Amino acid sequence: MIYCVTLIIIVALICATRLYPLWVEHDRKQLAKAMELLRKAKEENAILRKSSKEIIDEWLRNLNETSDSFNKTWDKLYEVCDKLNIKL
């Protein structure tokens, strides 16, 4: 009986030592895939950040131009009202 248990343990250890490199290789491949996905996600994130920054900058530029135009319009309106002696 003890020989059977010993034999089973020895066979299990041999199988484990034979399979260990396969497990390690599988883990390496999985890790490489995960790292590749992480790299792609970082690249996409950088692209999205850049494009969103450009969109926000353009929006702020347009807002400033609109505000400047709006302020100029009010200045002209005040000027015309002043000439016509109209108080706002």
Protein backbone atom coordinates (compact mmCIF):
# COMPACT_ATOMS: atom_id res chain seq x y z
CA MET A 1 0.00 0.00 0.00
CA ILE A 2 2.76 2.40 0.93
CA TYR A 3 4.47 1.54 -2.34
CA CYS A 4 1.34 2.51 -4.29
CA VAL A 5 1.10 5.85 -2.52
CA THR A 6 4.82 6.45 -3.06
CA LEU A 7 4.51 5.49 -6.71
CA ILE A 8 1.51 7.81 -7.17
CA ILE A 9 3.41 10.68 -5.53
CA ILE A 10 6.49 10.05 -7.69
CA VAL A 11 4.39 9.90 -10.88
CA ALA A 12 2.59 13.10 -9.85
CA LEU A 13 5.91 14.85 -9.22
CA ILE A 14 7.31 13.71 -12.57
CA CYS A 15 4.18 14.90 -14.37
CA ALA A 16 4.31 18.20 -12.53
CA THR A 17 7.96 18.75 -13.41
CA ARG A 18 7.23 17.91 -17.06
CA LEU A 19 4.18 20.18 -17.18
CA TYR A 20 5.72 23.09 -15.27
CA PRO A 21 7.63 24.51 -18.27
CA LEU A 22 4.42 24.32 -20.33
CA TRP A 23 2.53 26.21 -17.64
CA VAL A 24 5.26 28.82 -17.44
CA GLU A 25 5.28 29.22 -21.23
CA HIS A 26 1.50 29.53 -21.25
CA ASP A 27 1.69 32.16 -18.50
CA ARG A 28 4.38 34.03 -20.46
CA LYS A 29 2.19 34.05 -23.57
CA GLN A 30 -0.80 35.26 -21.57
CA LEU A 31 1.33 37.96 -19.95
CA ALA A 32 2.64 39.06 -23.35
CA LYS A 33 -0.93 39.29 -24.68
CA ALA A 34 -2.00 41.28 -21.64
CA MET A 35 0.95 43.65 -22.00
CA GLU A 36 0.14 44.15 -25.70
CA LEU A 37 -3.48 44.96 -24.86
CA LEU A 38 -2.32 47.37 -22.18
CA ARG A 39 0.04 49.08 -24.63
CA LYS A 40 -2.75 49.43 -27.20
CA ALA A 41 -5.10 50.82 -24.56
CA LYS A 42 -2.47 53.39 -23.52
CA GLU A 43 -1.96 54.42 -27.16
CA GLU A 44 -5.70 54.78 -27.72
CA ASN A 45 -6.00 56.75 -24.49
CA ALA A 46 -3.23 59.10 -25.61
CA ILE A 47 -4.93 59.58 -29.00
CA LEU A 48 -8.27 60.29 -27.31
CA ARG A 49 -6.65 62.76 -24.91
CA LYS A 50 -4.95 64.56 -27.77
CA SER A 51 -8.11 64.78 -29.87
CA SER A 52 -10.24 65.90 -26.91
CA LYS A 53 -7.64 68.53 -26.02
CA GLU A 54 -7.71 69.81 -29.61
CA ILE A 55 -11.51 69.92 -29.58
CA ILE A 56 -11.59 71.79 -26.27
CA ASP A 57 -8.93 74.23 -27.47
CA GLU A 58 -10.89 74.88 -30.67
CA TRP A 59 -14.09 75.35 -28.69
CA LEU A 60 -12.37 77.84 -26.37
CA ARG A 61 -10.92 79.70 -29.37
CA ASN A 62 -14.36 79.94 -30.91
CA LEU A 63 -15.82 81.05 -27.59
CA ASN A 64 -13.18 83.78 -27.27
CA GLU A 65 -13.82 84.94 -30.84
CA THR A 66 -17.56 84.94 -30.21
CA SER A 67 -17.10 86.81 -26.94
CA ASP A 68 -14.85 89.35 -28.63
CA SER A 69 -17.41 89.78 -31.40
CA PHE A 70 -20.19 90.07 -28.83
CA ASN A 71 -18.22 92.66 -26.85
CA LYS A 72 -17.47 94.64 -30.01
CA THR A 73 -21.15 94.59 -30.90
CA TRP A 74 -22.08 95.94 -27.47
CA ASP A 75 -19.37 98.60 -27.75
CA LYS A 76 -20.76 99.69 -31.12
CA LEU A 77 -24.27 99.71 -29.68
CA TYR A 78 -23.16 101.91 -26.77
CA GLU A 79 -21.33 104.18 -29.20
CA VAL A 80 -24.42 104.56 -31.41
CA CYS A 81 -26.64 105.12 -28.37
CA ASP A 82 -24.20 107.75 -27.13
CA LYS A 83 -24.35 109.57 -30.46
CA LEU A 84 -28.13 109.45 -30.40
CA ASN A 85 -28.22 110.58 -26.76
CA ILE A 86 -29.94 107.40 -25.67
CA LYS A 87 -29.09 106.11 -22.21
CA LEU A 88 -28.94 102.37 -21.71
